[in-house]
PDB file of N, CA and C in Angstrom:
ATOM      1  N   MET A   1      88.125 165.244  15.698  1.00  0.00           N
ATOM      2  CA  MET A   1      86.844 165.542  16.176  1.00  0.00           C
ATOM      3  C   MET A   1      86.414 166.944  15.704  1.00  0.00           C
ATOM      4  N   ILE A   2      85.129 167.062  15.446  1.00  0.00           N
ATOM      5  CA  ILE A   2      84.609 168.332  14.900  1.00  0.00           C
ATOM      6  C   ILE A   2      84.491 169.302  16.112  1.00  0.00           C
ATOM      7  N   LYS A   3      84.912 170.553  15.841  1.00  0.00           N
ATOM      8  CA  LYS A   3      84.874 171.604  16.866  1.00  0.00           C
ATOM      9  C   LYS A   3      83.433 172.046  16.973  1.00  0.00           C
ATOM     10  N   ARG A   4      82.955 172.229  18.202  1.00  0.00           N
ATOM     11  CA  ARG A   4      81.564 172.621  18.422  1.00  0.00           C
ATOM     12  C   ARG A   4      81.522 173.923  19.119  1.00  0.00           C
ATOM     13  N   ASP A   5      80.442 174.759  18.919  1.00  0.00           N
ATOM     14  CA  ASP A   5      80.296 176.018  19.565  1.00  0.00           C
ATOM     15  C   ASP A   5      80.017 175.856  21.052  1.00  0.00           C
ATOM     16  N   SER A   6      79.269 174.815  21.364  1.00  0.00           N
ATOM     17  CA  SER A   6      78.793 174.609  22.738  1.00  0.00           C
ATOM     18  C   SER A   6      79.785 173.876  23.588  1.00  0.00           C
ATOM     19  N   ASP A   7      79.727 174.089  24.884  1.00  0.00           N
ATOM     20  CA  ASP A   7      80.577 173.386  25.805  1.00  0.00           C
ATOM     21  C   ASP A   7      79.939 172.020  26.187  1.00  0.00           C
ATOM     22  N   ARG A   8      78.789 171.750  25.769  1.00  0.00           N
ATOM     23  CA  ARG A   8      78.146 170.545  26.078  1.00  0.00           C
ATOM     24  C   ARG A   8      78.867 169.342  25.389  1.00  0.00           C
ATOM     25  N   PRO A   9      78.934 168.244  26.070  1.00  0.00           N
ATOM     26  CA  PRO A   9      79.613 167.018  25.476  1.00  0.00           C
ATOM     27  C   PRO A   9      78.749 166.508  24.286  1.00  0.00           C
ATOM     28  N   CYS A  10      79.431 165.802  23.425  1.00  0.00           N
ATOM     29  CA  CYS A  10      78.701 165.094  22.372  1.00  0.00           C
ATOM     30  C   CYS A  10      78.093 163.775  22.999  1.00  0.00           C
ATOM     31  N   LEU A  11      77.093 163.258  22.377  1.00  0.00           N
ATOM     32  CA  LEU A  11      76.491 161.987  22.829  1.00  0.00           C
ATOM     33  C   LEU A  11      76.781 160.968  21.748  1.00  0.00           C
ATOM     34  N   PHE A  12      77.463 159.915  22.040  1.00  0.00           N
ATOM     35  CA  PHE A  12      77.784 158.778  21.185  1.00  0.00           C
ATOM     36  C   PHE A  12      76.876 157.614  21.513  1.00  0.00           C
ATOM     37  N   VAL A  13      76.233 157.053  20.513  1.00  0.00           N
ATOM     38  CA  VAL A  13      75.390 155.826  20.738  1.00  0.00           C
ATOM     39  C   VAL A  13      76.257 154.668  20.339  1.00  0.00           C
ATOM     40  N   LEU A  14      76.469 153.734  21.302  1.00  0.00           N
ATOM     41  CA  LEU A  14      77.336 152.602  21.073  1.00  0.00           C
ATOM     42  C   LEU A  14      76.540 151.421  20.550  1.00  0.00           C
ATOM     43  N   ASP A  15      77.046 150.819  19.503  1.00  0.00           N
ATOM     44  CA  ASP A  15      76.464 149.615  18.967  1.00  0.00           C
ATOM     45  C   ASP A  15      77.068 148.378  19.668  1.00  0.00           C
ATOM     46  N   THR A  16      76.468 147.314  19.504  1.00  0.00           N
ATOM     47  CA  THR A  16      76.870 146.039  20.190  1.00  0.00           C
ATOM     48  C   THR A  16      78.316 145.687  19.746  1.00  0.00           C
ATOM     49  N   ASN A  17      78.605 145.807  18.416  1.00  0.00           N
ATOM     50  CA  ASN A  17      79.964 145.410  17.948  1.00  0.00           C
ATOM     51  C   ASN A  17      81.039 146.219  18.558  1.00  0.00           C
ATOM     52  N   VAL A  18      80.826 147.473  18.862  1.00  0.00           N
ATOM     53  CA  VAL A  18      81.881 148.250  19.537  1.00  0.00           C
ATOM     54  C   VAL A  18      82.250 147.670  20.882  1.00  0.00           C
ATOM     55  N   LEU A  19      81.214 147.355  21.665  1.00  0.00           N
ATOM     56  CA  LEU A  19      81.447 146.807  22.983  1.00  0.00           C
ATOM     57  C   LEU A  19      81.969 145.350  22.942  1.00  0.00           C
ATOM     58  N   MET A  20      81.557 144.591  21.925  1.00  0.00           N
ATOM     59  CA  MET A  20      82.019 143.194  21.836  1.00  0.00           C
ATOM     60  C   MET A  20      83.479 143.101  21.469  1.00  0.00           C
ATOM     61  N   HIS A  21      83.997 144.052  20.739  1.00  0.00           N
ATOM     62  CA  HIS A  21      85.368 143.931  20.260  1.00  0.00           C
ATOM     63  C   HIS A  21      86.332 144.859  20.996  1.00  0.00           C
ATOM     64  N   ASP A  22      85.774 145.735  21.853  1.00  0.00           N
ATOM     65  CA  ASP A  22      86.677 146.507  22.763  1.00  0.00           C
ATOM     66  C   ASP A  22      85.834 146.758  24.022  1.00  0.00           C
ATOM     67  N   PRO A  23      85.963 145.881  25.019  1.00  0.00           N
ATOM     68  CA  PRO A  23      85.215 146.077  26.240  1.00  0.00           C
ATOM     69  C   PRO A  23      85.487 147.398  27.015  1.00  0.00           C
ATOM     70  N   THR A  24      86.703 147.964  26.729  1.00  0.00           N
ATOM     71  CA  THR A  24      87.055 149.170  27.397  1.00  0.00           C
ATOM     72  C   THR A  24      86.559 150.388  26.666  1.00  0.00           C
ATOM     73  N   SER A  25      85.840 150.197  25.552  1.00  0.00           N
ATOM     74  CA  SER A  25      85.388 151.378  24.718  1.00  0.00           C
ATOM     75  C   SER A  25      84.515 152.374  25.526  1.00  0.00           C
ATOM     76  N   ILE A  26      83.800 151.877  26.538  1.00  0.00           N
ATOM     77  CA  ILE A  26      82.969 152.810  27.297  1.00  0.00           C
ATOM     78  C   ILE A  26      83.810 153.878  28.050  1.00  0.00           C
ATOM     79  N   PHE A  27      85.092 153.538  28.226  1.00  0.00           N
ATOM     80  CA  PHE A  27      85.975 154.457  28.899  1.00  0.00           C
ATOM     81  C   PHE A  27      86.799 155.352  27.958  1.00  0.00           C
ATOM     82  N   ARG A  28      86.668 155.109  26.619  1.00  0.00           N
ATOM     83  CA  ARG A  28      87.511 155.744  25.645  1.00  0.00           C
ATOM     84  C   ARG A  28      86.933 157.043  25.059  1.00  0.00           C
ATOM     85  N   PHE A  29      85.821 157.412  25.461  1.00  0.00           N
ATOM     86  CA  PHE A  29      85.224 158.674  24.949  1.00  0.00           C
ATOM     87  C   PHE A  29      85.523 159.909  25.754  1.00  0.00           C
ATOM     88  N   LYS A  30      86.347 159.740  26.725  1.00  0.00           N
ATOM     89  CA  LYS A  30      86.925 160.816  27.594  1.00  0.00           C
ATOM     90  C   LYS A  30      85.827 161.739  28.029  1.00  0.00           C
ATOM     91  N   GLU A  31      85.743 162.972  27.593  1.00  0.00           N
ATOM     92  CA  GLU A  31      84.798 163.920  28.123  1.00  0.00           C
ATOM     93  C   GLU A  31      83.430 163.866  27.429  1.00  0.00           C
ATOM     94  N   GLN A  32      83.197 162.920  26.579  1.00  0.00           N
ATOM     95  CA  GLN A  32      81.955 162.779  25.860  1.00  0.00           C
ATOM     96  C   GLN A  32      81.040 161.803  26.597  1.00  0.00           C
ATOM     97  N   ASP A  33      79.731 162.027  26.330  1.00  0.00           N
ATOM     98  CA  ASP A  33      78.744 161.141  26.918  1.00  0.00           C
ATOM     99  C   ASP A  33      78.468 159.985  25.980  1.00  0.00           C
ATOM    100  N   ILE A  34      78.060 158.853  26.513  1.00  0.00           N
ATOM    101  CA  ILE A  34      77.684 157.701  25.714  1.00  0.00           C
ATOM    102  C   ILE A  34      76.330 157.183  26.134  1.00  0.00           C
ATOM    103  N   TYR A  35      75.660 156.558  25.128  1.00  0.00           N
ATOM    104  CA  TYR A  35      74.301 156.094  25.325  1.00  0.00           C
ATOM    105  C   TYR A  35      74.312 154.631  24.821  1.00  0.00           C
ATOM    106  N   ILE A  36      73.762 153.796  25.646  1.00  0.00           N
ATOM    107  CA  ILE A  36      73.593 152.372  25.265  1.00  0.00           C
ATOM    108  C   ILE A  36      72.123 152.037  25.143  1.00  0.00           C
ATOM    109  N   PRO A  37      71.691 151.751  23.932  1.00  0.00           N
ATOM    110  CA  PRO A  37      70.289 151.348  23.775  1.00  0.00           C
ATOM    111  C   PRO A  37      69.970 149.986  24.416  1.00  0.00           C
ATOM    112  N   MET A  38      68.662 149.749  24.722  1.00  0.00           N
ATOM    113  CA  MET A  38      68.278 148.537  25.316  1.00  0.00           C
ATOM    114  C   MET A  38      68.584 147.302  24.390  1.00  0.00           C
ATOM    115  N   ALA A  39      68.441 147.541  23.089  1.00  0.00           N
ATOM    116  CA  ALA A  39      68.712 146.435  22.133  1.00  0.00           C
ATOM    117  C   ALA A  39      70.158 145.957  22.252  1.00  0.00           C
ATOM    118  N   VAL A  40      71.085 146.873  22.486  1.00  0.00           N
ATOM    119  CA  VAL A  40      72.486 146.582  22.621  1.00  0.00           C
ATOM    120  C   VAL A  40      72.726 145.767  23.889  1.00  0.00           C
ATOM    121  N   LEU A  41      72.077 146.152  24.990  1.00  0.00           N
ATOM    122  CA  LEU A  41      72.153 145.346  26.268  1.00  0.00           C
ATOM    123  C   LEU A  41      71.576 143.914  26.068  1.00  0.00           C
ATOM    124  N   GLU A  42      70.479 143.814  25.337  1.00  0.00           N
ATOM    125  CA  GLU A  42      69.928 142.493  25.118  1.00  0.00           C
ATOM    126  C   GLU A  42      70.875 141.633  24.219  1.00  0.00           C
ATOM    127  N   GLU A  43      71.447 142.281  23.228  1.00  0.00           N
ATOM    128  CA  GLU A  43      72.373 141.494  22.303  1.00  0.00           C
ATOM    129  C   GLU A  43      73.624 141.049  23.162  1.00  0.00           C
ATOM    130  N   LEU A  44      74.142 141.973  23.973  1.00  0.00           N
ATOM    131  CA  LEU A  44      75.255 141.601  24.802  1.00  0.00           C
ATOM    132  C   LEU A  44      74.892 140.398  25.758  1.00  0.00           C
ATOM    133  N   ASP A  45      73.717 140.460  26.319  1.00  0.00           N
ATOM    134  CA  ASP A  45      73.323 139.409  27.216  1.00  0.00           C
ATOM    135  C   ASP A  45      73.362 138.081  26.475  1.00  0.00           C
ATOM    136  N   LYS A  46      72.911 137.996  25.281  1.00  0.00           N
ATOM    137  CA  LYS A  46      72.931 136.788  24.477  1.00  0.00           C
ATOM    138  C   LYS A  46      74.318 136.333  24.081  1.00  0.00           C
ATOM    139  N   GLY A  47      75.256 137.258  24.079  1.00  0.00           N
ATOM    140  CA  GLY A  47      76.589 136.945  23.624  1.00  0.00           C
ATOM    141  C   GLY A  47      77.656 136.517  24.699  1.00  0.00           C
ATOM    142  N   LYS A  48      77.186 136.320  25.968  1.00  0.00           N
ATOM    143  CA  LYS A  48      78.030 136.001  27.081  1.00  0.00           C
ATOM    144  C   LYS A  48      78.544 134.563  27.059  1.00  0.00           C
ATOM    145  N   LYS A  49      77.803 133.702  26.478  1.00  0.00           N
ATOM    146  CA  LYS A  49      78.114 132.277  26.642  1.00  0.00           C
ATOM    147  C   LYS A  49      79.283 131.872  25.673  1.00  0.00           C
ATOM    148  N   GLY A  50      80.060 130.978  26.152  1.00  0.00           N
ATOM    149  CA  GLY A  50      81.148 130.408  25.307  1.00  0.00           C
ATOM    150  C   GLY A  50      82.506 130.831  25.788  1.00  0.00           C
ATOM    151  N   MET A  51      83.463 130.348  25.068  1.00  0.00           N
ATOM    152  CA  MET A  51      84.861 130.549  25.420  1.00  0.00           C
ATOM    153  C   MET A  51      85.630 131.410  24.380  1.00  0.00           C
ATOM    154  N   SER A  52      84.842 131.924  23.443  1.00  0.00           N
ATOM    155  CA  SER A  52      85.547 132.745  22.398  1.00  0.00           C
ATOM    156  C   SER A  52      85.988 134.066  22.999  1.00  0.00           C
ATOM    157  N   GLU A  53      86.852 134.788  22.247  1.00  0.00           N
ATOM    158  CA  GLU A  53      87.338 136.031  22.731  1.00  0.00           C
ATOM    159  C   GLU A  53      86.157 137.060  22.840  1.00  0.00           C
ATOM    160  N   VAL A  54      85.267 136.993  21.852  1.00  0.00           N
ATOM    161  CA  VAL A  54      84.045 137.874  21.892  1.00  0.00           C
ATOM    162  C   VAL A  54      83.223 137.641  23.098  1.00  0.00           C
ATOM    163  N   ALA A  55      83.005 136.357  23.441  1.00  0.00           N
ATOM    164  CA  ALA A  55      82.220 136.046  24.652  1.00  0.00           C
ATOM    165  C   ALA A  55      82.907 136.577  25.939  1.00  0.00           C
ATOM    166  N   ARG A  56      84.194 136.401  25.932  1.00  0.00           N
ATOM    167  CA  ARG A  56      84.992 136.902  27.115  1.00  0.00           C
ATOM    168  C   ARG A  56      84.893 138.440  27.178  1.00  0.00           C
ATOM    169  N   ASN A  57      84.960 139.148  26.030  1.00  0.00           N
ATOM    170  CA  ASN A  57      84.822 140.556  25.999  1.00  0.00           C
ATOM    171  C   ASN A  57      83.434 140.978  26.494  1.00  0.00           C
ATOM    172  N   VAL A  58      82.414 140.250  26.047  1.00  0.00           N
ATOM    173  CA  VAL A  58      81.077 140.607  26.488  1.00  0.00           C
ATOM    174  C   VAL A  58      80.930 140.476  28.017  1.00  0.00           C
ATOM    175  N   ARG A  59      81.477 139.409  28.588  1.00  0.00           N
ATOM    176  CA  ARG A  59      81.425 139.248  30.068  1.00  0.00           C
ATOM    177  C   ARG A  59      82.191 140.398  30.701  1.00  0.00           C
ATOM    178  N   GLN A  60      83.315 140.859  30.110  1.00  0.00           N
ATOM    179  CA  GLN A  60      84.041 141.956  30.691  1.00  0.00           C
ATOM    180  C   GLN A  60      83.163 143.263  30.645  1.00  0.00           C
ATOM    181  N   VAL A  61      82.544 143.488  29.554  1.00  0.00           N
ATOM    182  CA  VAL A  61      81.671 144.693  29.383  1.00  0.00           C
ATOM    183  C   VAL A  61      80.629 144.643  30.517  1.00  0.00           C
ATOM    184  N   SER A  62      80.052 143.435  30.707  1.00  0.00           N
ATOM    185  CA  SER A  62      79.031 143.314  31.739  1.00  0.00           C
ATOM    186  C   SER A  62      79.603 143.599  33.093  1.00  0.00           C
ATOM    187  N   ARG A  63      80.804 143.214  33.398  1.00  0.00           N
ATOM    188  CA  ARG A  63      81.427 143.485  34.671  1.00  0.00           C
ATOM    189  C   ARG A  63      81.632 145.018  34.827  1.00  0.00           C
ATOM    190  N   PHE A  64      82.138 145.635  33.750  1.00  0.00           N
ATOM    191  CA  PHE A  64      82.313 147.132  33.792  1.00  0.00           C
ATOM    192  C   PHE A  64      81.006 147.865  34.100  1.00  0.00           C
ATOM    193  N   LEU A  65      79.967 147.463  33.360  1.00  0.00           N
ATOM    194  CA  LEU A  65      78.623 148.124  33.481  1.00  0.00           C
ATOM    195  C   LEU A  65      78.127 147.854  34.927  1.00  0.00           C
ATOM    196  N   ASP A  66      78.238 146.634  35.426  1.00  0.00           N
ATOM    197  CA  ASP A  66      77.830 146.301  36.765  1.00  0.00           C
ATOM    198  C   ASP A  66      78.598 147.206  37.816  1.00  0.00           C
ATOM    199  N   GLY A  67      79.836 147.352  37.567  1.00  0.00           N
ATOM    200  CA  GLY A  67      80.648 148.164  38.553  1.00  0.00           C
ATOM    201  C   GLY A  67      80.221 149.607  38.481  1.00  0.00           C
ATOM    202  N   LEU A  68      79.888 150.143  37.301  1.00  0.00           N
ATOM    203  CA  LEU A  68      79.469 151.558  37.186  1.00  0.00           C
ATOM    204  C   LEU A  68      78.069 151.738  37.885  1.00  0.00           C
ATOM    205  N   MET A  69      77.255 150.692  37.851  1.00  0.00           N
ATOM    206  CA  MET A  69      75.896 150.842  38.361  1.00  0.00           C
ATOM    207  C   MET A  69      75.761 150.357  39.834  1.00  0.00           C
ATOM    208  N   SER A  70      76.816 149.821  40.372  1.00  0.00           N
ATOM    209  CA  SER A  70      76.694 149.058  41.658  1.00  0.00           C
ATOM    210  C   SER A  70      76.105 149.886  42.778  1.00  0.00           C
ATOM    211  N   ASP A  71      76.434 151.124  42.875  1.00  0.00           N
ATOM    212  CA  ASP A  71      75.946 151.950  44.013  1.00  0.00           C
ATOM    213  C   ASP A  71      74.865 152.963  43.543  1.00  0.00           C
ATOM    214  N   ALA A  72      74.408 152.849  42.342  1.00  0.00           N
ATOM    215  CA  ALA A  72      73.519 153.860  41.767  1.00  0.00           C
ATOM    216  C   ALA A  72      72.066 153.479  41.987  1.00  0.00           C
ATOM    217  N   ASP A  73      71.219 154.432  42.276  1.00  0.00           N
ATOM    218  CA  ASP A  73      69.815 154.187  42.273  1.00  0.00           C
ATOM    219  C   ASP A  73      69.220 154.575  40.939  1.00  0.00           C
ATOM    220  N   LYS A  74      67.892 154.383  40.782  1.00  0.00           N
ATOM    221  CA  LYS A  74      67.240 154.643  39.493  1.00  0.00           C
ATOM    222  C   LYS A  74      67.402 156.095  39.028  1.00  0.00           C
ATOM    223  N   GLU A  75      67.298 157.044  39.920  1.00  0.00           N
ATOM    224  CA  GLU A  75      67.410 158.421  39.563  1.00  0.00           C
ATOM    225  C   GLU A  75      68.786 158.734  39.046  1.00  0.00           C
ATOM    226  N   GLU A  76      69.775 158.180  39.726  1.00  0.00           N
ATOM    227  CA  GLU A  76      71.193 158.376  39.241  1.00  0.00           C
ATOM    228  C   GLU A  76      71.425 157.797  37.875  1.00  0.00           C
ATOM    229  N   ILE A  77      70.864 156.579  37.630  1.00  0.00           N
ATOM    230  CA  ILE A  77      70.982 155.906  36.335  1.00  0.00           C
ATOM    231  C   ILE A  77      70.265 156.763  35.277  1.00  0.00           C
ATOM    232  N   ASP A  78      69.049 157.244  35.562  1.00  0.00           N
ATOM    233  CA  ASP A  78      68.340 158.043  34.605  1.00  0.00           C
ATOM    234  C   ASP A  78      69.069 159.343  34.272  1.00  0.00           C
ATOM    235  N   ALA A  79      69.831 159.919  35.240  1.00  0.00           N
ATOM    236  CA  ALA A  79      70.607 161.175  35.072  1.00  0.00           C
ATOM    237  C   ALA A  79      71.875 160.990  34.314  1.00  0.00           C
ATOM    238  N   GLY A  80      72.266 159.732  34.164  1.00  0.00           N
ATOM    239  CA  GLY A  80      73.577 159.408  33.563  1.00  0.00           C
ATOM    240  C   GLY A  80      74.655 159.176  34.581  1.00  0.00           C
ATOM    241  N   LEU A  81      75.213 158.040  34.472  1.00  0.00           N
ATOM    242  CA  LEU A  81      76.294 157.650  35.466  1.00  0.00           C
ATOM    243  C   LEU A  81      77.633 158.281  35.067  1.00  0.00           C
ATOM    244  N   PRO A  82      78.340 158.860  36.029  1.00  0.00           N
ATOM    245  CA  PRO A  82      79.668 159.319  35.676  1.00  0.00           C
ATOM    246  C   PRO A  82      80.596 158.114  35.302  1.00  0.00           C
ATOM    247  N   ILE A  83      81.378 158.313  34.242  1.00  0.00           N
ATOM    248  CA  ILE A  83      82.224 157.229  33.828  1.00  0.00           C
ATOM    249  C   ILE A  83      83.588 157.394  34.589  1.00  0.00           C
ATOM    250  N   ALA A  84      83.890 156.430  35.376  1.00  0.00           N
ATOM    251  CA  ALA A  84      85.080 156.481  36.240  1.00  0.00           C
ATOM    252  C   ALA A  84      86.282 156.168  35.411  1.00  0.00           C
ATOM    253  N   SER A  85      87.467 156.497  35.986  1.00  0.00           N
ATOM    254  CA  SER A  85      88.725 156.180  35.308  1.00  0.00           C
ATOM    255  C   SER A  85      88.917 154.663  35.275  1.00  0.00           C
ATOM    256  N   PHE A  86      89.737 154.236  34.368  1.00  0.00           N
ATOM    257  CA  PHE A  86      89.988 152.795  34.108  1.00  0.00           C
ATOM    258  C   PHE A  86      91.480 152.599  33.994  1.00  0.00           C
ATOM    259  N   THR A  87      91.981 151.583  34.678  1.00  0.00           N
ATOM    260  CA  THR A  87      93.360 151.157  34.529  1.00  0.00           C
ATOM    261  C   THR A  87      93.437 149.802  33.991  1.00  0.00           C
ATOM    262  N   GLU A  88      94.141 149.522  32.881  1.00  0.00           N
ATOM    263  CA  GLU A  88      94.230 148.224  32.316  1.00  0.00           C
ATOM    264  C   GLU A  88      95.096 147.297  33.225  1.00  0.00           C
ATOM    265  N   ASN A  89      94.963 145.994  33.054  1.00  0.00           N
ATOM    266  CA  ASN A  89      95.639 145.025  33.917  1.00  0.00           C
ATOM    267  C   ASN A  89      97.142 145.263  34.068  1.00  0.00           C
ATOM    268  N   SER A  90      97.713 145.759  33.031  1.00  0.00           N
ATOM    269  CA  SER A  90      99.188 145.973  33.041  1.00  0.00           C
ATOM    270  C   SER A  90      99.541 147.104  34.007  1.00  0.00           C
ATOM    271  N   GLY A  91      98.588 147.918  34.299  1.00  0.00           N
ATOM    272  CA  GLY A  91      98.825 149.059  35.160  1.00  0.00           C
ATOM    273  C   GLY A  91      99.577 150.205  34.471  1.00  0.00           C
ATOM    274  N   THR A  92      99.803 150.095  33.193  1.00  0.00           N
ATOM    275  CA  THR A  92     100.575 151.104  32.483  1.00  0.00           C
ATOM    276  C   THR A  92      99.660 152.092  31.683  1.00  0.00           C
ATOM    277  N   HIS A  93      98.412 151.740  31.506  1.00  0.00           N
ATOM    278  CA  HIS A  93      97.549 152.534  30.625  1.00  0.00           C
ATOM    279  C   HIS A  93      96.370 153.005  31.517  1.00  0.00           C
ATOM    280  N   VAL A  94      96.242 154.315  31.655  1.00  0.00           N
ATOM    281  CA  VAL A  94      95.135 154.811  32.437  1.00  0.00           C
ATOM    282  C   VAL A  94      94.292 155.722  31.467  1.00  0.00           C
ATOM    283  N   ILE A  95      93.023 155.437  31.486  1.00  0.00           N
ATOM    284  CA  ILE A  95      92.071 156.271  30.673  1.00  0.00           C
ATOM    285  C   ILE A  95      91.259 157.140  31.645  1.00  0.00           C
ATOM    286  N   GLN A  96      91.417 158.444  31.507  1.00  0.00           N
ATOM    287  CA  GLN A  96      90.702 159.327  32.359  1.00  0.00           C
ATOM    288  C   GLN A  96      89.371 159.734  31.659  1.00  0.00           C
ATOM    289  N   ALA A  97      88.304 159.246  32.045  1.00  0.00           N
ATOM    290  CA  ALA A  97      86.992 159.428  31.407  1.00  0.00           C
ATOM    291  C   ALA A  97      86.189 160.519  32.287  1.00  0.00           C
ATOM    292  N   LYS A  98      85.555 161.469  31.589  1.00  0.00           N
ATOM    293  CA  LYS A  98      84.878 162.501  32.352  1.00  0.00           C
ATOM    294  C   LYS A  98      83.398 162.580  31.861  1.00  0.00           C
ATOM    295  N   GLY A  99      83.042 161.735  30.950  1.00  0.00           N
ATOM    296  CA  GLY A  99      81.669 161.716  30.389  1.00  0.00           C
ATOM    297  C   GLY A  99      80.696 161.016  31.307  1.00  0.00           C
ATOM    298  N   ARG A 100      79.525 160.897  30.811  1.00  0.00           N
ATOM    299  CA  ARG A 100      78.447 160.225  31.517  1.00  0.00           C
ATOM    300  C   ARG A 100      77.953 159.067  30.627  1.00  0.00           C
ATOM    301  N   LEU A 101      77.412 158.065  31.267  1.00  0.00           N
ATOM    302  CA  LEU A 101      76.905 156.860  30.637  1.00  0.00           C
ATOM    303  C   LEU A 101      75.409 156.910  30.795  1.00  0.00           C
ATOM    304  N   PHE A 102      74.686 156.850  29.670  1.00  0.00           N
ATOM    305  CA  PHE A 102      73.213 156.837  29.690  1.00  0.00           C
ATOM    306  C   PHE A 102      72.734 155.488  29.127  1.00  0.00           C
ATOM    307  N   PHE A 103      71.622 154.996  29.680  1.00  0.00           N
ATOM    308  CA  PHE A 103      71.024 153.798  29.204  1.00  0.00           C
ATOM    309  C   PHE A 103      69.626 154.114  28.719  1.00  0.00           C
ATOM    310  N   GLN A 104      69.184 153.404  27.737  1.00  0.00           N
ATOM    311  CA  GLN A 104      67.761 153.547  27.282  1.00  0.00           C
ATOM    312  C   GLN A 104      66.930 152.847  28.339  1.00  0.00           C
ATOM    313  N   THR A 105      66.166 153.634  29.063  1.00  0.00           N
ATOM    314  CA  THR A 105      65.312 153.092  30.124  1.00  0.00           C
ATOM    315  C   THR A 105      63.843 153.081  29.813  1.00  0.00           C
ATOM    316  N   THR A 106      63.425 153.744  28.682  1.00  0.00           N
ATOM    317  CA  THR A 106      62.053 153.758  28.218  1.00  0.00           C
ATOM    318  C   THR A 106      62.062 153.460  26.710  1.00  0.00           C
ATOM    319  N   PRO A 107      61.021 152.900  26.214  1.00  0.00           N
ATOM    320  CA  PRO A 107      60.901 152.697  24.743  1.00  0.00           C
ATOM    321  C   PRO A 107      60.828 154.029  24.047  1.00  0.00           C
ATOM    322  N   LEU A 108      61.492 154.081  22.860  1.00  0.00           N
ATOM    323  CA  LEU A 108      61.432 155.292  22.024  1.00  0.00           C
ATOM    324  C   LEU A 108      60.333 155.136  20.971  1.00  0.00           C
ATOM    325  N   ASP A 109      59.578 156.150  20.835  1.00  0.00           N
ATOM    326  CA  ASP A 109      58.530 156.147  19.829  1.00  0.00           C
ATOM    327  C   ASP A 109      59.019 156.954  18.641  1.00  0.00           C
ATOM    328  N   ILE A 110      59.724 156.326  17.747  1.00  0.00           N
ATOM    329  CA  ILE A 110      60.309 156.986  16.572  1.00  0.00           C
ATOM    330  C   ILE A 110      59.858 156.250  15.337  1.00  0.00           C
ATOM    331  N   ARG A 111      59.856 157.046  14.296  1.00  0.00           N
ATOM    332  CA  ARG A 111      59.478 156.429  12.959  1.00  0.00           C
ATOM    333  C   ARG A 111      60.760 156.490  12.104  1.00  0.00           C
ATOM    334  N   LEU A 112      61.135 155.363  11.640  1.00  0.00           N
ATOM    335  CA  LEU A 112      62.282 155.253  10.750  1.00  0.00           C
ATOM    336  C   LEU A 112      61.894 155.614   9.309  1.00  0.00           C
ATOM    337  N   PRO A 113      62.786 156.125   8.531  1.00  0.00           N
ATOM    338  CA  PRO A 113      62.505 156.347   7.151  1.00  0.00           C
ATOM    339  C   PRO A 113      62.114 155.019   6.509  1.00  0.00           C
ATOM    340  N   GLU A 114      61.275 155.125   5.459  1.00  0.00           N
ATOM    341  CA  GLU A 114      60.759 153.926   4.768  1.00  0.00           C
ATOM    342  C   GLU A 114      61.842 153.110   4.222  1.00  0.00           C
ATOM    343  N   SER A 115      63.053 153.696   3.928  1.00  0.00           N
ATOM    344  CA  SER A 115      64.158 152.969   3.350  1.00  0.00           C
ATOM    345  C   SER A 115      64.860 152.061   4.330  1.00  0.00           C
ATOM    346  N   LEU A 116      64.547 152.276   5.626  1.00  0.00           N
ATOM    347  CA  LEU A 116      65.158 151.449   6.724  1.00  0.00           C
ATOM    348  C   LEU A 116      64.084 150.544   7.318  1.00  0.00           C
ATOM    349  N   PRO A 117      64.165 149.221   7.185  1.00  0.00           N
ATOM    350  CA  PRO A 117      63.177 148.392   7.781  1.00  0.00           C
ATOM    351  C   PRO A 117      63.267 148.438   9.286  1.00  0.00           C
ATOM    352  N   GLY A 118      62.110 148.480   9.902  1.00  0.00           N
ATOM    353  CA  GLY A 118      61.969 148.639  11.388  1.00  0.00           C
ATOM    354  C   GLY A 118      62.279 147.377  12.125  1.00  0.00           C
ATOM    355  N   SER A 119      62.369 146.257  11.495  1.00  0.00           N
ATOM    356  CA  SER A 119      62.677 144.948  12.171  1.00  0.00           C
ATOM    357  C   SER A 119      64.162 144.740  12.361  1.00  0.00           C
ATOM    358  N   ASN A 120      64.959 145.582  11.782  1.00  0.00           N
ATOM    359  CA  ASN A 120      66.446 145.397  11.930  1.00  0.00           C
ATOM    360  C   ASN A 120      66.919 146.214  13.134  1.00  0.00           C
ATOM    361  N   LEU A 121      67.498 145.513  14.161  1.00  0.00           N
ATOM    362  CA  LEU A 121      67.928 146.156  15.302  1.00  0.00           C
ATOM    363  C   LEU A 121      68.977 147.281  15.068  1.00  0.00           C
ATOM    364  N   ASP A 122      69.888 147.054  14.131  1.00  0.00           N
ATOM    365  CA  ASP A 122      70.863 148.095  13.858  1.00  0.00           C
ATOM    366  C   ASP A 122      70.199 149.371  13.343  1.00  0.00           C
ATOM    367  N   ASN A 123      69.150 149.225  12.553  1.00  0.00           N
ATOM    368  CA  ASN A 123      68.506 150.437  12.103  1.00  0.00           C
ATOM    369  C   ASN A 123      67.768 151.160  13.220  1.00  0.00           C
ATOM    370  N   ASN A 124      67.214 150.392  14.169  1.00  0.00           N
ATOM    371  CA  ASN A 124      66.547 150.992  15.305  1.00  0.00           C
ATOM    372  C   ASN A 124      67.632 151.766  16.204  1.00  0.00           C
ATOM    373  N   ILE A 125      68.786 151.175  16.313  1.00  0.00           N
ATOM    374  CA  ILE A 125      69.847 151.791  17.152  1.00  0.00           C
ATOM    375  C   ILE A 125      70.285 153.099  16.467  1.00  0.00           C
TER     376      ILE A 125
END
């Protein structure tokens, strides 16, 4: 990781594929903050159906996100939810996360460079 002058955490924007292939990834950024765009949440919602490993992972991500938001109100969600610790099913692996989880709650008014088509969700993310 790159050394920074500031004590502020880095902000990582997670793409759908990261969450689809590692549902625990939201807990793996430790002291860093993560941001999940609305497009990612929509893509995850579409990927819940089926019996594939990816569909099971998406359902697990959804359960993790629901758990993090379960007692939060809108103000707390807007301020970023603290990412709690996570223990894998085996009970042998504990991830101590100290960062915050942010969701895109309002549309962003940004202009992409002309070389990136605006209709591609990955480019918008």
